[in-house]
Amino acid sequence: MTAEFHPRIRDERACYLSSSMAVALAKLHDTRLHILHISTKDELALFRNDIPLKDKKITAEVCVHHLYFSAEDYDQFGNQIKCSLWAKPFGARC
């Protein structure tokens, strides 16, 4: 398979479902969770920004390049941007 299939295999729905399942489990078990590399705007709704960081049990982060590239960039960059699960269609990015 070539790089342009990557966002079809790991699409926005898959990203949201995996993050939402992890958040639900963390809440259920009252445990800490940190999710690396949030890659879609829908996932942002899973996290609160209205409490102090010291009081948070569930946190997340995003890498700048995850916000910059989109699935449309595969034609130009190919596997150079397929190193993680983040190159989504332009409108789905955080």
PDB file of N, CA and C in Angstrom:
ATOM      1  N   MET A   1       0.831  -1.186   0.000  1.00  0.00           N
ATOM      2  CA  MET A   1       0.000   0.000   0.000  1.00  0.00           C
ATOM      3  C   MET A   1       0.872   1.245   0.000  1.00  0.00           C
ATOM      4  N   THR A   2       0.388   2.272  -0.629  1.00  0.00           N
ATOM      5  CA  THR A   2       1.112   3.537  -0.654  1.00  0.00           C
ATOM      6  C   THR A   2       0.601   4.461   0.446  1.00  0.00           C
ATOM      7  N   ALA A   3       1.336   5.521   0.695  1.00  0.00           N
ATOM      8  CA  ALA A   3       1.067   6.418   1.828  1.00  0.00           C
ATOM      9  C   ALA A   3      -0.325   7.038   1.812  1.00  0.00           C
ATOM     10  N   GLU A   4      -0.872   7.303   0.642  1.00  0.00           N
ATOM     11  CA  GLU A   4      -2.168   7.993   0.620  1.00  0.00           C
ATOM     12  C   GLU A   4      -3.308   7.160   1.207  1.00  0.00           C
ATOM     13  N   PHE A   5      -3.098   5.863   1.452  1.00  0.00           N
ATOM     14  CA  PHE A   5      -4.119   5.029   2.082  1.00  0.00           C
ATOM     15  C   PHE A   5      -4.125   5.171   3.601  1.00  0.00           C
ATOM     16  N   HIS A   6      -3.080   5.720   4.151  1.00  0.00           N
ATOM     17  CA  HIS A   6      -2.942   5.808   5.605  1.00  0.00           C
ATOM     18  C   HIS A   6      -4.125   6.508   6.284  1.00  0.00           C
ATOM     19  N   PRO A   7      -4.577   7.682   5.810  1.00  0.00           N
ATOM     20  CA  PRO A   7      -5.710   8.328   6.497  1.00  0.00           C
ATOM     21  C   PRO A   7      -7.040   7.605   6.287  1.00  0.00           C
ATOM     22  N   ARG A   8      -7.109   6.697   5.342  1.00  0.00           N
ATOM     23  CA  ARG A   8      -8.331   5.905   5.168  1.00  0.00           C
ATOM     24  C   ARG A   8      -8.347   4.739   6.152  1.00  0.00           C
ATOM     25  N   ILE A   9      -7.176   4.215   6.460  1.00  0.00           N
ATOM     26  CA  ILE A   9      -7.068   3.103   7.395  1.00  0.00           C
ATOM     27  C   ILE A   9      -7.260   3.602   8.824  1.00  0.00           C
ATOM     28  N   ARG A  10      -6.664   4.733   9.146  1.00  0.00           N
ATOM     29  CA  ARG A  10      -6.760   5.329  10.483  1.00  0.00           C
ATOM     30  C   ARG A  10      -7.438   6.688  10.324  1.00  0.00           C
ATOM     31  N   ASP A  11      -8.747   6.668  10.152  1.00  0.00           N
ATOM     32  CA  ASP A  11      -9.483   7.901   9.872  1.00  0.00           C
ATOM     33  C   ASP A  11      -9.878   8.641  11.146  1.00  0.00           C
ATOM     34  N   GLU A  12     -10.594   9.748  10.975  1.00  0.00           N
ATOM     35  CA  GLU A  12     -10.993  10.566  12.133  1.00  0.00           C
ATOM     36  C   GLU A  12     -11.834   9.777  13.127  1.00  0.00           C
ATOM     37  N   ARG A  13     -12.721   8.930  12.610  1.00  0.00           N
ATOM     38  CA  ARG A  13     -13.591   8.144  13.490  1.00  0.00           C
ATOM     39  C   ARG A  13     -12.766   7.197  14.361  1.00  0.00           C
ATOM     40  N   ALA A  14     -11.786   6.545  13.768  1.00  0.00           N
ATOM     41  CA  ALA A  14     -10.932   5.625  14.525  1.00  0.00           C
ATOM     42  C   ALA A  14     -10.166   6.379  15.608  1.00  0.00           C
ATOM     43  N   CYS A  15      -9.665   7.562  15.269  1.00  0.00           N
ATOM     44  CA  CYS A  15      -8.949   8.360  16.268  1.00  0.00           C
ATOM     45  C   CYS A  15      -9.859   8.741  17.422  1.00  0.00           C
ATOM     46  N   TYR A  16     -11.057   9.229  17.097  1.00  0.00           N
ATOM     47  CA  TYR A  16     -11.989   9.631  18.141  1.00  0.00           C
ATOM     48  C   TYR A  16     -12.393   8.437  19.009  1.00  0.00           C
ATOM     49  N   LEU A  17     -12.724   7.317  18.370  1.00  0.00           N
ATOM     50  CA  LEU A  17     -13.166   6.150  19.134  1.00  0.00           C
ATOM     51  C   LEU A  17     -12.088   5.644  20.086  1.00  0.00           C
ATOM     52  N   SER A  18     -10.852   5.605  19.644  1.00  0.00           N
ATOM     53  CA  SER A  18      -9.794   5.104  20.526  1.00  0.00           C
ATOM     54  C   SER A  18      -9.552   6.067  21.690  1.00  0.00           C
ATOM     55  N   SER A  19      -9.550   7.368  21.409  1.00  0.00           N
ATOM     56  CA  SER A  19      -9.349   8.346  22.489  1.00  0.00           C
ATOM     57  C   SER A  19     -10.534   8.358  23.448  1.00  0.00           C
ATOM     58  N   SER A  20     -11.757   8.302  22.919  1.00  0.00           N
ATOM     59  CA  SER A  20     -12.934   8.353  23.792  1.00  0.00           C
ATOM     60  C   SER A  20     -13.022   7.101  24.659  1.00  0.00           C
ATOM     61  N   MET A  21     -12.606   5.954  24.130  1.00  0.00           N
ATOM     62  CA  MET A  21     -12.604   4.734  24.942  1.00  0.00           C
ATOM     63  C   MET A  21     -11.592   4.849  26.079  1.00  0.00           C
ATOM     64  N   ALA A  22     -10.427   5.369  25.787  1.00  0.00           N
ATOM     65  CA  ALA A  22      -9.407   5.536  26.833  1.00  0.00           C
ATOM     66  C   ALA A  22      -9.880   6.507  27.909  1.00  0.00           C
ATOM     67  N   VAL A  23     -10.493   7.617  27.507  1.00  0.00           N
ATOM     68  CA  VAL A  23     -11.011   8.600  28.466  1.00  0.00           C
ATOM     69  C   VAL A  23     -12.119   7.976  29.315  1.00  0.00           C
ATOM     70  N   ALA A  24     -13.014   7.245  28.695  1.00  0.00           N
ATOM     71  CA  ALA A  24     -14.104   6.603  29.439  1.00  0.00           C
ATOM     72  C   ALA A  24     -13.562   5.614  30.471  1.00  0.00           C
ATOM     73  N   LEU A  25     -12.568   4.840  30.095  1.00  0.00           N
ATOM     74  CA  LEU A  25     -11.974   3.886  31.035  1.00  0.00           C
ATOM     75  C   LEU A  25     -11.266   4.597  32.190  1.00  0.00           C
ATOM     76  N   ALA A  26     -10.577   5.689  31.884  1.00  0.00           N
ATOM     77  CA  ALA A  26      -9.893   6.450  32.939  1.00  0.00           C
ATOM     78  C   ALA A  26     -10.905   7.026  33.926  1.00  0.00           C
ATOM     79  N   LYS A  27     -12.017   7.532  33.414  1.00  0.00           N
ATOM     80  CA  LYS A  27     -13.058   8.067  34.302  1.00  0.00           C
ATOM     81  C   LYS A  27     -13.694   6.955  35.129  1.00  0.00           C
ATOM     82  N   LEU A  28     -13.977   5.843  34.500  1.00  0.00           N
ATOM     83  CA  LEU A  28     -14.599   4.714  35.175  1.00  0.00           C
ATOM     84  C   LEU A  28     -13.747   4.213  36.337  1.00  0.00           C
ATOM     85  N   HIS A  29     -12.454   4.184  36.134  1.00  0.00           N
ATOM     86  CA  HIS A  29     -11.538   3.647  37.139  1.00  0.00           C
ATOM     87  C   HIS A  29     -10.846   4.736  37.962  1.00  0.00           C
ATOM     88  N   ASP A  30     -11.270   5.969  37.761  1.00  0.00           N
ATOM     89  CA  ASP A  30     -10.739   7.114  38.504  1.00  0.00           C
ATOM     90  C   ASP A  30      -9.206   7.107  38.517  1.00  0.00           C
ATOM     91  N   THR A  31      -8.644   7.020  37.327  1.00  0.00           N
ATOM     92  CA  THR A  31      -7.191   6.965  37.202  1.00  0.00           C
ATOM     93  C   THR A  31      -6.688   8.085  36.297  1.00  0.00           C
ATOM     94  N   ARG A  32      -5.390   8.311  36.329  1.00  0.00           N
ATOM     95  CA  ARG A  32      -4.771   9.334  35.494  1.00  0.00           C
ATOM     96  C   ARG A  32      -4.587   8.794  34.081  1.00  0.00           C
ATOM     97  N   LEU A  33      -4.665   9.706  33.103  1.00  0.00           N
ATOM     98  CA  LEU A  33      -4.468   9.343  31.700  1.00  0.00           C
ATOM     99  C   LEU A  33      -3.866  10.521  30.964  1.00  0.00           C
ATOM    100  N   HIS A  34      -2.887  10.260  30.145  1.00  0.00           N
ATOM    101  CA  HIS A  34      -2.340  11.278  29.243  1.00  0.00           C
ATOM    102  C   HIS A  34      -2.321  10.679  27.849  1.00  0.00           C
ATOM    103  N   ILE A  35      -3.009  11.328  26.923  1.00  0.00           N
ATOM    104  CA  ILE A  35      -3.066  10.844  25.538  1.00  0.00           C
ATOM    105  C   ILE A  35      -2.113  11.671  24.696  1.00  0.00           C
ATOM    106  N   LEU A  36      -1.218  10.988  24.019  1.00  0.00           N
ATOM    107  CA  LEU A  36      -0.247  11.638  23.137  1.00  0.00           C
ATOM    108  C   LEU A  36      -0.826  11.828  21.741  1.00  0.00           C
ATOM    109  N   HIS A  37      -0.483  12.929  21.138  1.00  0.00           N
ATOM    110  CA  HIS A  37      -0.713  13.162  19.714  1.00  0.00           C
ATOM    111  C   HIS A  37      -2.173  13.172  19.296  1.00  0.00           C
ATOM    112  N   ILE A  38      -2.990  13.946  19.996  1.00  0.00           N
ATOM    113  CA  ILE A  38      -4.360  14.175  19.545  1.00  0.00           C
ATOM    114  C   ILE A  38      -4.273  14.716  18.121  1.00  0.00           C
ATOM    115  N   SER A  39      -5.118  14.201  17.242  1.00  0.00           N
ATOM    116  CA  SER A  39      -4.953  14.571  15.839  1.00  0.00           C
ATOM    117  C   SER A  39      -6.221  15.040  15.144  1.00  0.00           C
ATOM    118  N   THR A  40      -7.351  15.087  15.848  1.00  0.00           N
ATOM    119  CA  THR A  40      -8.579  15.573  15.214  1.00  0.00           C
ATOM    120  C   THR A  40      -9.284  16.566  16.131  1.00  0.00           C
ATOM    121  N   LYS A  41     -10.039  17.459  15.521  1.00  0.00           N
ATOM    122  CA  LYS A  41     -10.739  18.464  16.323  1.00  0.00           C
ATOM    123  C   LYS A  41     -11.830  17.833  17.183  1.00  0.00           C
ATOM    124  N   ASP A  42     -12.428  16.737  16.732  1.00  0.00           N
ATOM    125  CA  ASP A  42     -13.465  16.081  17.539  1.00  0.00           C
ATOM    126  C   ASP A  42     -12.910  15.539  18.854  1.00  0.00           C
ATOM    127  N   GLU A  43     -11.658  15.100  18.849  1.00  0.00           N
ATOM    128  CA  GLU A  43     -11.054  14.589  20.071  1.00  0.00           C
ATOM    129  C   GLU A  43     -10.892  15.680  21.127  1.00  0.00           C
ATOM    130  N   LEU A  44     -10.744  16.918  20.711  1.00  0.00           N
ATOM    131  CA  LEU A  44     -10.551  18.007  21.668  1.00  0.00           C
ATOM    132  C   LEU A  44     -11.707  18.121  22.653  1.00  0.00           C
ATOM    133  N   ALA A  45     -12.899  17.755  22.226  1.00  0.00           N
ATOM    134  CA  ALA A  45     -14.079  17.838  23.100  1.00  0.00           C
ATOM    135  C   ALA A  45     -14.003  16.856  24.267  1.00  0.00           C
ATOM    136  N   LEU A  46     -13.100  15.897  24.206  1.00  0.00           N
ATOM    137  CA  LEU A  46     -12.961  14.910  25.276  1.00  0.00           C
ATOM    138  C   LEU A  46     -12.215  15.456  26.493  1.00  0.00           C
ATOM    139  N   PHE A  47     -11.620  16.628  26.347  1.00  0.00           N
ATOM    140  CA  PHE A  47     -10.728  17.149  27.391  1.00  0.00           C
ATOM    141  C   PHE A  47     -11.237  18.483  27.903  1.00  0.00           C
ATOM    142  N   ARG A  48     -11.078  18.688  29.214  1.00  0.00           N
ATOM    143  CA  ARG A  48     -11.538  19.927  29.865  1.00  0.00           C
ATOM    144  C   ARG A  48     -10.398  20.924  29.967  1.00  0.00           C
ATOM    145  N   ASN A  49     -10.769  22.164  29.844  1.00  0.00           N
ATOM    146  CA  ASN A  49      -9.783  23.229  30.007  1.00  0.00           C
ATOM    147  C   ASN A  49     -10.269  24.258  31.027  1.00  0.00           C
ATOM    148  N   ASP A  50     -11.140  23.822  31.909  1.00  0.00           N
ATOM    149  CA  ASP A  50     -11.720  24.745  32.880  1.00  0.00           C
ATOM    150  C   ASP A  50     -11.297  24.443  34.313  1.00  0.00           C
ATOM    151  N   ILE A  51     -10.332  23.564  34.494  1.00  0.00           N
ATOM    152  CA  ILE A  51      -9.820  23.268  35.825  1.00  0.00           C
ATOM    153  C   ILE A  51      -8.298  23.405  35.811  1.00  0.00           C
ATOM    154  N   PRO A  52      -7.707  23.726  36.937  1.00  0.00           N
ATOM    155  CA  PRO A  52      -6.249  23.886  36.976  1.00  0.00           C
ATOM    156  C   PRO A  52      -5.529  22.585  36.607  1.00  0.00           C
ATOM    157  N   LEU A  53      -4.414  22.722  35.956  1.00  0.00           N
ATOM    158  CA  LEU A  53      -3.643  21.561  35.521  1.00  0.00           C
ATOM    159  C   LEU A  53      -3.316  20.635  36.689  1.00  0.00           C
ATOM    160  N   LYS A  54      -3.000  21.203  37.838  1.00  0.00           N
ATOM    161  CA  LYS A  54      -2.639  20.378  38.996  1.00  0.00           C
ATOM    162  C   LYS A  54      -3.792  19.489  39.460  1.00  0.00           C
ATOM    163  N   ASP A  55      -5.023  19.841  39.106  1.00  0.00           N
ATOM    164  CA  ASP A  55      -6.191  19.070  39.512  1.00  0.00           C
ATOM    165  C   ASP A  55      -6.674  18.094  38.439  1.00  0.00           C
ATOM    166  N   LYS A  56      -6.091  18.155  37.259  1.00  0.00           N
ATOM    167  CA  LYS A  56      -6.540  17.299  36.160  1.00  0.00           C
ATOM    168  C   LYS A  56      -6.014  15.880  36.318  1.00  0.00           C
ATOM    169  N   LYS A  57      -6.873  14.937  35.967  1.00  0.00           N
ATOM    170  CA  LYS A  57      -6.458  13.542  35.913  1.00  0.00           C
ATOM    171  C   LYS A  57      -6.308  13.082  34.470  1.00  0.00           C
ATOM    172  N   ILE A  58      -6.989  13.763  33.551  1.00  0.00           N
ATOM    173  CA  ILE A  58      -6.947  13.372  32.142  1.00  0.00           C
ATOM    174  C   ILE A  58      -6.398  14.546  31.335  1.00  0.00           C
ATOM    175  N   THR A  59      -5.296  14.298  30.644  1.00  0.00           N
ATOM    176  CA  THR A  59      -4.639  15.346  29.859  1.00  0.00           C
ATOM    177  C   THR A  59      -4.295  14.794  28.474  1.00  0.00           C
ATOM    178  N   ALA A  60      -3.902  15.702  27.592  1.00  0.00           N
ATOM    179  CA  ALA A  60      -3.532  15.310  26.233  1.00  0.00           C
ATOM    180  C   ALA A  60      -2.543  16.318  25.677  1.00  0.00           C
ATOM    181  N   GLU A  61      -1.923  15.946  24.566  1.00  0.00           N
ATOM    182  CA  GLU A  61      -1.014  16.855  23.878  1.00  0.00           C
ATOM    183  C   GLU A  61      -1.127  16.646  22.371  1.00  0.00           C
ATOM    184  N   VAL A  62      -0.655  17.631  21.656  1.00  0.00           N
ATOM    185  CA  VAL A  62      -0.619  17.560  20.196  1.00  0.00           C
ATOM    186  C   VAL A  62       0.738  18.086  19.746  1.00  0.00           C
ATOM    187  N   CYS A  63       1.235  17.574  18.650  1.00  0.00           N
ATOM    188  CA  CYS A  63       2.490  18.063  18.073  1.00  0.00           C
ATOM    189  C   CYS A  63       2.165  19.073  16.976  1.00  0.00           C
ATOM    190  N   VAL A  64       2.960  20.098  16.872  1.00  0.00           N
ATOM    191  CA  VAL A  64       2.695  21.166  15.900  1.00  0.00           C
ATOM    192  C   VAL A  64       2.566  20.614  14.486  1.00  0.00           C
ATOM    193  N   HIS A  65       3.431  19.696  14.110  1.00  0.00           N
ATOM    194  CA  HIS A  65       3.354  19.176  12.743  1.00  0.00           C
ATOM    195  C   HIS A  65       2.078  18.374  12.496  1.00  0.00           C
ATOM    196  N   HIS A  66       1.428  17.897  13.558  1.00  0.00           N
ATOM    197  CA  HIS A  66       0.135  17.229  13.385  1.00  0.00           C
ATOM    198  C   HIS A  66      -0.923  18.233  12.949  1.00  0.00           C
ATOM    199  N   LEU A  67      -0.749  19.475  13.313  1.00  0.00           N
ATOM    200  CA  LEU A  67      -1.699  20.520  12.940  1.00  0.00           C
ATOM    201  C   LEU A  67      -1.421  21.088  11.553  1.00  0.00           C
ATOM    202  N   TYR A  68      -0.229  20.871  11.069  1.00  0.00           N
ATOM    203  CA  TYR A  68       0.190  21.494   9.817  1.00  0.00           C
ATOM    204  C   TYR A  68      -0.143  20.650   8.591  1.00  0.00           C
ATOM    205  N   PHE A  69       0.216  19.365   8.600  1.00  0.00           N
ATOM    206  CA  PHE A  69       0.002  18.510   7.437  1.00  0.00           C
ATOM    207  C   PHE A  69      -1.408  17.950   7.419  1.00  0.00           C
ATOM    208  N   SER A  70      -1.886  17.612   6.222  1.00  0.00           N
ATOM    209  CA  SER A  70      -3.183  16.960   6.077  1.00  0.00           C
ATOM    210  C   SER A  70      -3.039  15.836   5.058  1.00  0.00           C
ATOM    211  N   ALA A  71      -4.104  15.076   4.868  1.00  0.00           N
ATOM    212  CA  ALA A  71      -4.075  13.962   3.926  1.00  0.00           C
ATOM    213  C   ALA A  71      -3.728  14.419   2.512  1.00  0.00           C
ATOM    214  N   GLU A  72      -4.059  15.649   2.192  1.00  0.00           N
ATOM    215  CA  GLU A  72      -3.757  16.170   0.863  1.00  0.00           C
ATOM    216  C   GLU A  72      -2.254  16.293   0.622  1.00  0.00           C
ATOM    217  N   ASP A  73      -1.456  16.276   1.668  1.00  0.00           N
ATOM    218  CA  ASP A  73      -0.003  16.414   1.541  1.00  0.00           C
ATOM    219  C   ASP A  73       0.706  15.108   1.178  1.00  0.00           C
ATOM    220  N   TYR A  74       0.001  13.989   1.180  1.00  0.00           N
ATOM    221  CA  TYR A  74       0.641  12.722   0.838  1.00  0.00           C
ATOM    222  C   TYR A  74       1.174  12.706  -0.591  1.00  0.00           C
ATOM    223  N   ASP A  75       0.476  13.367  -1.514  1.00  0.00           N
ATOM    224  CA  ASP A  75       0.967  13.405  -2.898  1.00  0.00           C
ATOM    225  C   ASP A  75       2.368  13.997  -2.974  1.00  0.00           C
ATOM    226  N   GLN A  76       2.619  15.017  -2.183  1.00  0.00           N
ATOM    227  CA  GLN A  76       3.921  15.679  -2.217  1.00  0.00           C
ATOM    228  C   GLN A  76       4.963  14.988  -1.342  1.00  0.00           C
ATOM    229  N   PHE A  77       4.569  14.557  -0.136  1.00  0.00           N
ATOM    230  CA  PHE A  77       5.550  14.070   0.833  1.00  0.00           C
ATOM    231  C   PHE A  77       5.565  12.555   1.030  1.00  0.00           C
ATOM    232  N   GLY A  78       4.519  11.862   0.606  1.00  0.00           N
ATOM    233  CA  GLY A  78       4.476  10.408   0.725  1.00  0.00           C
ATOM    234  C   GLY A  78       4.738   9.925   2.138  1.00  0.00           C
ATOM    235  N   ASN A  79       5.585   8.907   2.253  1.00  0.00           N
ATOM    236  CA  ASN A  79       5.855   8.286   3.561  1.00  0.00           C
ATOM    237  C   ASN A  79       6.613   9.183   4.527  1.00  0.00           C
ATOM    238  N   GLN A  80       7.113  10.297   4.085  1.00  0.00           N
ATOM    239  CA  GLN A  80       7.801  11.210   5.011  1.00  0.00           C
ATOM    240  C   GLN A  80       6.857  11.746   6.084  1.00  0.00           C
ATOM    241  N   ILE A  81       5.561  11.787   5.805  1.00  0.00           N
ATOM    242  CA  ILE A  81       4.610  12.270   6.805  1.00  0.00           C
ATOM    243  C   ILE A  81       3.758  11.143   7.375  1.00  0.00           C
ATOM    244  N   LYS A  82       4.045   9.903   7.053  1.00  0.00           N
ATOM    245  CA  LYS A  82       3.258   8.776   7.541  1.00  0.00           C
ATOM    246  C   LYS A  82       3.850   8.178   8.807  1.00  0.00           C
ATOM    247  N   CYS A  83       4.586   8.942   9.567  1.00  0.00           N
ATOM    248  CA  CYS A  83       5.247   8.401  10.754  1.00  0.00           C
ATOM    249  C   CYS A  83       4.305   8.253  11.931  1.00  0.00           C
ATOM    250  N   SER A  84       3.100   8.802  11.871  1.00  0.00           N
ATOM    251  CA  SER A  84       2.134   8.641  12.946  1.00  0.00           C
ATOM    252  C   SER A  84       0.731   8.693  12.376  1.00  0.00           C
ATOM    253  N   LEU A  85      -0.258   8.827  13.237  1.00  0.00           N
ATOM    254  CA  LEU A  85      -1.659   8.663  12.841  1.00  0.00           C
ATOM    255  C   LEU A  85      -2.395   9.968  12.602  1.00  0.00           C
ATOM    256  N   TRP A  86      -1.708  10.993  12.175  1.00  0.00           N
ATOM    257  CA  TRP A  86      -2.299  12.317  12.254  1.00  0.00           C
ATOM    258  C   TRP A  86      -2.647  12.984  10.955  1.00  0.00           C
ATOM    259  N   ALA A  87      -2.209  12.548   9.820  1.00  0.00           N
ATOM    260  CA  ALA A  87      -2.478  13.299   8.583  1.00  0.00           C
ATOM    261  C   ALA A  87      -3.899  13.014   8.119  1.00  0.00           C
ATOM    262  N   LYS A  88      -4.817  13.838   8.552  1.00  0.00           N
ATOM    263  CA  LYS A  88      -6.243  13.696   8.259  1.00  0.00           C
ATOM    264  C   LYS A  88      -6.645  14.698   7.176  1.00  0.00           C
ATOM    265  N   PRO A  89      -7.861  14.552   6.668  1.00  0.00           N
ATOM    266  CA  PRO A  89      -8.346  15.586   5.742  1.00  0.00           C
ATOM    267  C   PRO A  89      -8.266  16.953   6.404  1.00  0.00           C
ATOM    268  N   PHE A  90      -8.101  17.969   5.607  1.00  0.00           N
ATOM    269  CA  PHE A  90      -7.848  19.321   6.117  1.00  0.00           C
ATOM    270  C   PHE A  90      -8.874  19.743   7.167  1.00  0.00           C
ATOM    271  N   GLY A  91     -10.139  19.545   6.946  1.00  0.00           N
ATOM    272  CA  GLY A  91     -11.188  20.003   7.867  1.00  0.00           C
ATOM    273  C   GLY A  91     -11.263  19.256   9.180  1.00  0.00           C
ATOM    274  N   ALA A  92     -10.595  18.116   9.291  1.00  0.00           N
ATOM    275  CA  ALA A  92     -10.670  17.309  10.506  1.00  0.00           C
ATOM    276  C   ALA A  92      -9.564  17.614  11.489  1.00  0.00           C
ATOM    277  N   ARG A  93      -8.584  18.405  11.076  1.00  0.00           N
ATOM    278  CA  ARG A  93      -7.438  18.677  11.953  1.00  0.00           C
ATOM    279  C   ARG A  93      -7.861  19.522  13.134  1.00  0.00           C
ATOM    280  N   CYS A  94      -7.075  19.462  14.208  1.00  0.00           N
ATOM    281  CA  CYS A  94      -7.351  20.241  15.422  1.00  0.00           C
ATOM    282  C   CYS A  94      -7.330  21.727  15.120  1.00  0.00           C
TER     283      CYS A  94
END
